């Protein structure tokens, strides 16, 4: 068919996904079929294993404590203001 869609599960990897569906919940092998890159679903034609494909599929962790945060390699352009300390009398 021309159109393909996802029916999300209510729970995935111990996480309740009923109201929190995300495109990253679709594993890479199903991404090819879903976007019509191939007509063969991975259930009938498993994808070839590649080094760059993760063993365990991961969700999008943006906005969670597990998100990727790069460290800064440049100096700050703005410094925080630190109020002067008053001598105790």
PDB file of N, CA and C in Angstrom:
ATOM      1  N   UNK A   1       0.793  -1.180   0.000  1.00  0.00           N
ATOM      2  CA  UNK A   1       0.000   0.000   0.000  1.00  0.00           C
ATOM      3  C   UNK A   1       0.849   1.263   0.000  1.00  0.00           C
ATOM      4  N   UNK A   2       0.208   2.368  -0.265  1.00  0.00           N
ATOM      5  CA  UNK A   2       0.915   3.647  -0.282  1.00  0.00           C
ATOM      6  C   UNK A   2       1.228   4.148   1.107  1.00  0.00           C
ATOM      7  N   UNK A   3       0.346   3.889   2.053  1.00  0.00           N
ATOM      8  CA  UNK A   3       0.504   4.456   3.382  1.00  0.00           C
ATOM      9  C   UNK A   3       0.830   3.371   4.389  1.00  0.00           C
ATOM     10  N   UNK A   4       1.771   3.661   5.246  1.00  0.00           N
ATOM     11  CA  UNK A   4       2.157   2.746   6.316  1.00  0.00           C
ATOM     12  C   UNK A   4       2.151   3.529   7.609  1.00  0.00           C
ATOM     13  N   UNK A   5       1.749   2.906   8.688  1.00  0.00           N
ATOM     14  CA  UNK A   5       1.672   3.602   9.963  1.00  0.00           C
ATOM     15  C   UNK A   5       2.065   2.671  11.084  1.00  0.00           C
ATOM     16  N   UNK A   6       2.200   3.251  12.260  1.00  0.00           N
ATOM     17  CA  UNK A   6       2.629   2.526  13.456  1.00  0.00           C
ATOM     18  C   UNK A   6       1.468   2.460  14.431  1.00  0.00           C
ATOM     19  N   UNK A   7       1.248   1.292  14.990  1.00  0.00           N
ATOM     20  CA  UNK A   7       0.328   1.145  16.111  1.00  0.00           C
ATOM     21  C   UNK A   7       1.223   0.942  17.329  1.00  0.00           C
ATOM     22  N   UNK A   8       1.362   1.990  18.141  1.00  0.00           N
ATOM     23  CA  UNK A   8       2.262   1.933  19.286  1.00  0.00           C
ATOM     24  C   UNK A   8       1.700   1.033  20.373  1.00  0.00           C
ATOM     25  N   UNK A   9       2.586   0.417  21.111  1.00  0.00           N
ATOM     26  CA  UNK A   9       2.203  -0.412  22.241  1.00  0.00           C
ATOM     27  C   UNK A   9       1.980   0.468  23.467  1.00  0.00           C
ATOM     28  N   UNK A  10       1.285  -0.040  24.468  1.00  0.00           N
ATOM     29  CA  UNK A  10       1.032   0.732  25.687  1.00  0.00           C
ATOM     30  C   UNK A  10       2.201   0.683  26.648  1.00  0.00           C
ATOM     31  N   UNK A  11       3.092  -0.281  26.491  1.00  0.00           N
ATOM     32  CA  UNK A  11       4.263  -0.384  27.367  1.00  0.00           C
ATOM     33  C   UNK A  11       5.438  -0.863  26.537  1.00  0.00           C
ATOM     34  N   UNK A  12       6.602  -0.253  26.759  1.00  0.00           N
ATOM     35  CA  UNK A  12       7.793  -0.641  26.026  1.00  0.00           C
ATOM     36  C   UNK A  12       8.994  -0.494  26.940  1.00  0.00           C
ATOM     37  N   UNK A  13       9.728  -1.560  27.142  1.00  0.00           N
ATOM     38  CA  UNK A  13      10.907  -1.588  28.023  1.00  0.00           C
ATOM     39  C   UNK A  13      10.570  -1.094  29.423  1.00  0.00           C
ATOM     40  N   UNK A  14       9.419  -1.482  29.940  1.00  0.00           N
ATOM     41  CA  UNK A  14       9.024  -1.093  31.290  1.00  0.00           C
ATOM     42  C   UNK A  14       8.504   0.323  31.407  1.00  0.00           C
ATOM     43  N   UNK A  15       8.368   1.024  30.305  1.00  0.00           N
ATOM     44  CA  UNK A  15       7.902   2.415  30.322  1.00  0.00           C
ATOM     45  C   UNK A  15       6.469   2.468  29.796  1.00  0.00           C
ATOM     46  N   UNK A  16       5.594   3.166  30.517  1.00  0.00           N
ATOM     47  CA  UNK A  16       4.222   3.351  30.066  1.00  0.00           C
ATOM     48  C   UNK A  16       4.228   4.354  28.920  1.00  0.00           C
ATOM     49  N   UNK A  17       3.814   3.933  27.748  1.00  0.00           N
ATOM     50  CA  UNK A  17       3.891   4.780  26.558  1.00  0.00           C
ATOM     51  C   UNK A  17       2.525   5.181  26.023  1.00  0.00           C
ATOM     52  N   UNK A  18       1.482   5.030  26.825  1.00  0.00           N
ATOM     53  CA  UNK A  18       0.139   5.316  26.316  1.00  0.00           C
ATOM     54  C   UNK A  18       0.002   6.766  25.859  1.00  0.00           C
ATOM     55  N   UNK A  19       0.453   7.723  26.659  1.00  0.00           N
ATOM     56  CA  UNK A  19       0.347   9.140  26.303  1.00  0.00           C
ATOM     57  C   UNK A  19       1.666   9.723  25.828  1.00  0.00           C
ATOM     58  N   UNK A  20       2.728   8.974  25.871  1.00  0.00           N
ATOM     59  CA  UNK A  20       4.050   9.495  25.529  1.00  0.00           C
ATOM     60  C   UNK A  20       4.645   8.742  24.351  1.00  0.00           C
ATOM     61  N   UNK A  21       4.020   8.821  23.201  1.00  0.00           N
ATOM     62  CA  UNK A  21       4.562   8.161  22.019  1.00  0.00           C
ATOM     63  C   UNK A  21       5.622   9.057  21.396  1.00  0.00           C
ATOM     64  N   UNK A  22       6.610   8.433  20.774  1.00  0.00           N
ATOM     65  CA  UNK A  22       7.737   9.158  20.215  1.00  0.00           C
ATOM     66  C   UNK A  22       8.214   8.407  18.977  1.00  0.00           C
ATOM     67  N   UNK A  23       8.648   9.136  17.974  1.00  0.00           N
ATOM     68  CA  UNK A  23       9.155   8.508  16.759  1.00  0.00           C
ATOM     69  C   UNK A  23      10.379   7.647  16.993  1.00  0.00           C
ATOM     70  N   UNK A  24      11.138   7.928  18.053  1.00  0.00           N
ATOM     71  CA  UNK A  24      12.328   7.126  18.333  1.00  0.00           C
ATOM     72  C   UNK A  24      11.978   5.750  18.888  1.00  0.00           C
ATOM     73  N   UNK A  25      10.702   5.503  19.138  1.00  0.00           N
ATOM     74  CA  UNK A  25      10.288   4.184  19.614  1.00  0.00           C
ATOM     75  C   UNK A  25      10.270   3.159  18.479  1.00  0.00           C
ATOM     76  N   UNK A  26      10.356   3.620  17.242  1.00  0.00           N
ATOM     77  CA  UNK A  26      10.377   2.715  16.093  1.00  0.00           C
ATOM     78  C   UNK A  26      11.811   2.233  15.893  1.00  0.00           C
ATOM     79  N   UNK A  27      12.056   0.931  15.958  1.00  0.00           N
ATOM     80  CA  UNK A  27      13.416   0.413  15.764  1.00  0.00           C
ATOM     81  C   UNK A  27      13.928   0.698  14.350  1.00  0.00           C
ATOM     82  N   UNK A  28      15.248   0.765  14.164  1.00  0.00           N
ATOM     83  CA  UNK A  28      15.816   1.114  12.857  1.00  0.00           C
ATOM     84  C   UNK A  28      15.405   0.166  11.732  1.00  0.00           C
ATOM     85  N   UNK A  29      15.271  -1.119  12.039  1.00  0.00           N
ATOM     86  CA  UNK A  29      14.923  -2.051  10.967  1.00  0.00           C
ATOM     87  C   UNK A  29      13.505  -1.809  10.438  1.00  0.00           C
ATOM     88  N   UNK A  30      12.611  -1.313  11.290  1.00  0.00           N
ATOM     89  CA  UNK A  30      11.260  -0.989  10.839  1.00  0.00           C
ATOM     90  C   UNK A  30      11.202   0.390  10.187  1.00  0.00           C
ATOM     91  N   UNK A  31      12.162   1.253  10.457  1.00  0.00           N
ATOM     92  CA  UNK A  31      12.199   2.592   9.861  1.00  0.00           C
ATOM     93  C   UNK A  31      12.252   2.493   8.338  1.00  0.00           C
ATOM     94  N   UNK A  32      13.057   1.572   7.829  1.00  0.00           N
ATOM     95  CA  UNK A  32      13.189   1.407   6.371  1.00  0.00           C
ATOM     96  C   UNK A  32      11.852   1.059   5.729  1.00  0.00           C
ATOM     97  N   UNK A  33      11.147   0.133   6.333  1.00  0.00           N
ATOM     98  CA  UNK A  33       9.859  -0.285   5.773  1.00  0.00           C
ATOM     99  C   UNK A  33       8.808   0.815   5.931  1.00  0.00           C
ATOM    100  N   UNK A  34       8.790   1.466   7.092  1.00  0.00           N
ATOM    101  CA  UNK A  34       7.795   2.488   7.385  1.00  0.00           C
ATOM    102  C   UNK A  34       7.891   3.669   6.424  1.00  0.00           C
ATOM    103  N   UNK A  35       9.103   4.032   6.015  1.00  0.00           N
ATOM    104  CA  UNK A  35       9.318   5.164   5.118  1.00  0.00           C
ATOM    105  C   UNK A  35       9.450   4.734   3.661  1.00  0.00           C
ATOM    106  N   UNK A  36       8.981   3.519   3.356  1.00  0.00           N
ATOM    107  CA  UNK A  36       8.927   2.988   1.991  1.00  0.00           C
ATOM    108  C   UNK A  36      10.295   2.943   1.317  1.00  0.00           C
ATOM    109  N   UNK A  37      11.348   2.707   2.095  1.00  0.00           N
ATOM    110  CA  UNK A  37      12.671   2.523   1.513  1.00  0.00           C
ATOM    111  C   UNK A  37      12.815   1.102   0.975  1.00  0.00           C
ATOM    112  N   UNK A  38      11.977   0.199   1.480  1.00  0.00           N
ATOM    113  CA  UNK A  38      11.935  -1.174   1.012  1.00  0.00           C
ATOM    114  C   UNK A  38      10.496  -1.669   1.119  1.00  0.00           C
ATOM    115  N   UNK A  39      10.165  -2.652   0.313  1.00  0.00           N
ATOM    116  CA  UNK A  39       8.823  -3.229   0.379  1.00  0.00           C
ATOM    117  C   UNK A  39       8.778  -4.453   1.280  1.00  0.00           C
ATOM    118  N   UNK A  40       9.941  -4.931   1.704  1.00  0.00           N
ATOM    119  CA  UNK A  40      10.014  -6.137   2.521  1.00  0.00           C
ATOM    120  C   UNK A  40      10.127  -5.773   3.994  1.00  0.00           C
ATOM    121  N   UNK A  41       9.162  -6.176   4.818  1.00  0.00           N
ATOM    122  CA  UNK A  41       9.277  -5.894   6.258  1.00  0.00           C
ATOM    123  C   UNK A  41      10.389  -6.736   6.877  1.00  0.00           C
ATOM    124  N   UNK A  42      10.959  -6.284   7.997  1.00  0.00           N
ATOM    125  CA  UNK A  42      12.065  -7.023   8.611  1.00  0.00           C
ATOM    126  C   UNK A  42      11.660  -8.387   9.155  1.00  0.00           C
ATOM    127  N   UNK A  43      10.372  -8.661   9.243  1.00  0.00           N
ATOM    128  CA  UNK A  43       9.950  -9.990   9.695  1.00  0.00           C
ATOM    129  C   UNK A  43      10.190 -11.039   8.620  1.00  0.00           C
ATOM    130  N   UNK A  44      10.121 -10.644   7.334  1.00  0.00           N
ATOM    131  CA  UNK A  44      10.359 -11.596   6.249  1.00  0.00           C
ATOM    132  C   UNK A  44      11.783 -11.521   5.714  1.00  0.00           C
ATOM    133  N   UNK A  45      12.391 -10.350   5.721  1.00  0.00           N
ATOM    134  CA  UNK A  45      13.763 -10.154   5.252  1.00  0.00           C
ATOM    135  C   UNK A  45      14.538  -9.377   6.312  1.00  0.00           C
ATOM    136  N   UNK A  46      15.187 -10.072   7.260  1.00  0.00           N
ATOM    137  CA  UNK A  46      15.931  -9.366   8.316  1.00  0.00           C
ATOM    138  C   UNK A  46      17.052  -8.511   7.723  1.00  0.00           C
ATOM    139  N   UNK A  47      17.308  -7.338   8.308  1.00  0.00           N
ATOM    140  CA  UNK A  47      18.369  -6.474   7.779  1.00  0.00           C
ATOM    141  C   UNK A  47      19.748  -7.070   8.035  1.00  0.00           C
ATOM    142  N   UNK A  48      20.690  -6.670   7.209  1.00  0.00           N
ATOM    143  CA  UNK A  48      22.074  -7.110   7.367  1.00  0.00           C
ATOM    144  C   UNK A  48      22.668  -6.398   8.574  1.00  0.00           C
ATOM    145  N   UNK A  49      23.347  -7.147   9.430  1.00  0.00           N
ATOM    146  CA  UNK A  49      23.958  -6.549  10.629  1.00  0.00           C
ATOM    147  C   UNK A  49      25.108  -5.633  10.224  1.00  0.00           C
ATOM    148  N   UNK A  50      25.111  -4.438  10.751  1.00  0.00           N
ATOM    149  CA  UNK A  50      26.163  -3.442  10.485  1.00  0.00           C
ATOM    150  C   UNK A  50      26.763  -2.988  11.808  1.00  0.00           C
ATOM    151  N   UNK A  51      28.000  -2.506  11.770  1.00  0.00           N
ATOM    152  CA  UNK A  51      28.658  -2.056  12.997  1.00  0.00           C
ATOM    153  C   UNK A  51      27.996  -0.817  13.586  1.00  0.00           C
ATOM    154  N   UNK A  52      27.448   0.047  12.740  1.00  0.00           N
ATOM    155  CA  UNK A  52      26.897   1.307  13.233  1.00  0.00           C
ATOM    156  C   UNK A  52      25.484   1.168  13.793  1.00  0.00           C
ATOM    157  N   UNK A  53      24.860  -0.005  13.659  1.00  0.00           N
ATOM    158  CA  UNK A  53      23.518  -0.212  14.203  1.00  0.00           C
ATOM    159  C   UNK A  53      23.649  -0.733  15.622  1.00  0.00           C
ATOM    160  N   UNK A  54      22.949  -0.087  16.568  1.00  0.00           N
ATOM    161  CA  UNK A  54      23.017  -0.483  17.967  1.00  0.00           C
ATOM    162  C   UNK A  54      22.436  -1.863  18.172  1.00  0.00           C
ATOM    163  N   UNK A  55      23.026  -2.577  19.122  1.00  0.00           N
ATOM    164  CA  UNK A  55      22.490  -3.885  19.498  1.00  0.00           C
ATOM    165  C   UNK A  55      21.110  -3.716  20.126  1.00  0.00           C
ATOM    166  N   UNK A  56      21.008  -2.796  21.082  1.00  0.00           N
ATOM    167  CA  UNK A  56      19.746  -2.534  21.771  1.00  0.00           C
ATOM    168  C   UNK A  56      19.234  -1.170  21.337  1.00  0.00           C
ATOM    169  N   UNK A  57      18.022  -1.145  20.845  1.00  0.00           N
ATOM    170  CA  UNK A  57      17.412   0.110  20.396  1.00  0.00           C
ATOM    171  C   UNK A  57      17.186   1.031  21.589  1.00  0.00           C
ATOM    172  N   UNK A  58      17.495   2.325  21.428  1.00  0.00           N
ATOM    173  CA  UNK A  58      17.351   3.300  22.505  1.00  0.00           C
ATOM    174  C   UNK A  58      16.313   4.348  22.127  1.00  0.00           C
ATOM    175  N   UNK A  59      15.582   4.810  23.134  1.00  0.00           N
ATOM    176  CA  UNK A  59      14.610   5.882  22.936  1.00  0.00           C
ATOM    177  C   UNK A  59      15.327   7.219  22.872  1.00  0.00           C
ATOM    178  N   UNK A  60      14.613   8.242  22.444  1.00  0.00           N
ATOM    179  CA  UNK A  60      15.096   9.609  22.502  1.00  0.00           C
ATOM    180  C   UNK A  60      15.091  10.041  23.968  1.00  0.00           C
ATOM    181  N   UNK A  61      16.248  10.394  24.501  1.00  0.00           N
ATOM    182  CA  UNK A  61      16.365  10.738  25.916  1.00  0.00           C
ATOM    183  C   UNK A  61      16.374  12.243  26.162  1.00  0.00           C
ATOM    184  N   UNK A  62      16.027  13.045  25.163  1.00  0.00           N
ATOM    185  CA  UNK A  62      15.999  14.499  25.342  1.00  0.00           C
ATOM    186  C   UNK A  62      15.007  14.882  26.425  1.00  0.00           C
ATOM    187  N   UNK A  63      15.409  15.802  27.285  1.00  0.00           N
ATOM    188  CA  UNK A  63      14.539  16.265  28.361  1.00  0.00           C
ATOM    189  C   UNK A  63      14.512  15.350  29.562  1.00  0.00           C
ATOM    190  N   UNK A  64      15.390  14.366  29.597  1.00  0.00           N
ATOM    191  CA  UNK A  64      15.474  13.450  30.732  1.00  0.00           C
ATOM    192  C   UNK A  64      16.870  13.545  31.330  1.00  0.00           C
ATOM    193  N   UNK A  65      17.092  12.994  32.520  1.00  0.00           N
ATOM    194  CA  UNK A  65      18.442  13.022  33.097  1.00  0.00           C
ATOM    195  C   UNK A  65      19.472  12.263  32.255  1.00  0.00           C
ATOM    196  N   UNK A  66      19.039  11.371  31.390  1.00  0.00           N
ATOM    197  CA  UNK A  66      19.971  10.602  30.572  1.00  0.00           C
ATOM    198  C   UNK A  66      20.322  11.245  29.247  1.00  0.00           C
ATOM    199  N   UNK A  67      19.907  12.498  29.023  1.00  0.00           N
ATOM    200  CA  UNK A  67      20.166  13.148  27.743  1.00  0.00           C
ATOM    201  C   UNK A  67      21.650  13.423  27.540  1.00  0.00           C
ATOM    202  N   UNK A  68      22.044  13.577  26.290  1.00  0.00           N
ATOM    203  CA  UNK A  68      23.423  13.894  25.953  1.00  0.00           C
ATOM    204  C   UNK A  68      23.650  15.388  26.155  1.00  0.00           C
ATOM    205  N   UNK A  69      24.668  15.722  26.917  1.00  0.00           N
ATOM    206  CA  UNK A  69      25.015  17.120  27.155  1.00  0.00           C
ATOM    207  C   UNK A  69      26.504  17.277  26.850  1.00  0.00           C
ATOM    208  N   UNK A  70      26.857  17.947  25.765  1.00  0.00           N
ATOM    209  CA  UNK A  70      28.273  18.113  25.450  1.00  0.00           C
ATOM    210  C   UNK A  70      28.927  19.114  26.393  1.00  0.00           C
ATOM    211  N   UNK A  71      30.188  18.909  26.654  1.00  0.00           N
ATOM    212  CA  UNK A  71      30.903  19.859  27.502  1.00  0.00           C
ATOM    213  C   UNK A  71      31.395  21.021  26.646  1.00  0.00           C
ATOM    214  N   UNK A  72      31.523  22.171  27.259  1.00  0.00           N
ATOM    215  CA  UNK A  72      31.915  23.372  26.535  1.00  0.00           C
ATOM    216  C   UNK A  72      33.430  23.430  26.391  1.00  0.00           C
ATOM    217  N   UNK A  73      33.897  23.782  25.207  1.00  0.00           N
ATOM    218  CA  UNK A  73      35.332  23.925  24.971  1.00  0.00           C
ATOM    219  C   UNK A  73      35.731  25.389  24.823  1.00  0.00           C
ATOM    220  N   UNK A  74      34.783  26.302  25.016  1.00  0.00           N
ATOM    221  CA  UNK A  74      35.078  27.726  24.901  1.00  0.00           C
ATOM    222  C   UNK A  74      34.809  28.425  26.225  1.00  0.00           C
ATOM    223  N   UNK A  75      35.437  29.580  26.385  1.00  0.00           N
ATOM    224  CA  UNK A  75      35.204  30.359  27.598  1.00  0.00           C
ATOM    225  C   UNK A  75      33.841  31.016  27.543  1.00  0.00           C
ATOM    226  N   UNK A  76      33.308  31.317  28.707  1.00  0.00           N
ATOM    227  CA  UNK A  76      32.019  32.003  28.777  1.00  0.00           C
ATOM    228  C   UNK A  76      32.174  33.430  28.274  1.00  0.00           C
ATOM    229  N   UNK A  77      31.169  33.932  27.585  1.00  0.00           N
ATOM    230  CA  UNK A  77      31.176  35.314  27.121  1.00  0.00           C
ATOM    231  C   UNK A  77      30.599  36.236  28.180  1.00  0.00           C
ATOM    232  N   UNK A  78      29.771  35.705  29.046  1.00  0.00           N
ATOM    233  CA  UNK A  78      29.146  36.486  30.104  1.00  0.00           C
ATOM    234  C   UNK A  78      29.482  35.830  31.432  1.00  0.00           C
ATOM    235  N   UNK A  79      29.962  36.631  32.366  1.00  0.00           N
ATOM    236  CA  UNK A  79      30.289  36.113  33.692  1.00  0.00           C
ATOM    237  C   UNK A  79      29.158  36.449  34.657  1.00  0.00           C
ATOM    238  N   UNK A  80      28.907  35.558  35.587  1.00  0.00           N
ATOM    239  CA  UNK A  80      27.867  35.805  36.580  1.00  0.00           C
ATOM    240  C   UNK A  80      28.316  36.915  37.524  1.00  0.00           C
ATOM    241  N   UNK A  81      27.357  37.698  38.006  1.00  0.00           N
ATOM    242  CA  UNK A  81      27.667  38.740  38.968  1.00  0.00           C
ATOM    243  C   UNK A  81      27.662  38.133  40.352  1.00  0.00           C
ATOM    244  N   UNK A  82      28.737  38.347  41.062  1.00  0.00           N
ATOM    245  CA  UNK A  82      28.846  37.869  42.441  1.00  0.00           C
ATOM    246  C   UNK A  82      28.829  39.100  43.328  1.00  0.00           C
ATOM    247  N   UNK A  83      27.830  39.229  44.204  1.00  0.00           N
ATOM    248  CA  UNK A  83      27.749  40.431  45.036  1.00  0.00           C
ATOM    249  C   UNK A  83      28.956  40.514  45.969  1.00  0.00           C
ATOM    250  N   UNK A  84      29.413  41.743  46.216  1.00  0.00           N
ATOM    251  CA  UNK A  84      30.567  41.887  47.112  1.00  0.00           C
ATOM    252  C   UNK A  84      30.190  41.492  48.537  1.00  0.00           C
ATOM    253  N   UNK A  85      31.143  40.914  49.215  1.00  0.00           N
ATOM    254  CA  UNK A  85      30.891  40.526  50.607  1.00  0.00           C
ATOM    255  C   UNK A  85      31.127  41.737  51.499  1.00  0.00           C
ATOM    256  N   UNK A  86      30.275  41.916  52.470  1.00  0.00           N
ATOM    257  CA  UNK A  86      30.429  43.025  53.408  1.00  0.00           C
ATOM    258  C   UNK A  86      31.189  42.521  54.621  1.00  0.00           C
ATOM    259  N   UNK A  87      32.051  43.369  55.125  1.00  0.00           N
ATOM    260  CA  UNK A  87      32.818  42.994  56.319  1.00  0.00           C
ATOM    261  C   UNK A  87      31.882  42.973  57.513  1.00  0.00           C
ATOM    262  N   UNK A  88      31.937  41.932  58.278  1.00  0.00           N
ATOM    263  CA  UNK A  88      31.067  41.847  59.457  1.00  0.00           C
ATOM    264  C   UNK A  88      31.577  42.806  60.522  1.00  0.00           C
ATOM    265  N   UNK A  89      30.664  43.498  61.203  1.00  0.00           N
ATOM    266  CA  UNK A  89      31.037  44.519  62.183  1.00  0.00           C
ATOM    267  C   UNK A  89      30.909  44.014  63.576  1.00  0.00           C
TER     268      UNK A  89
END
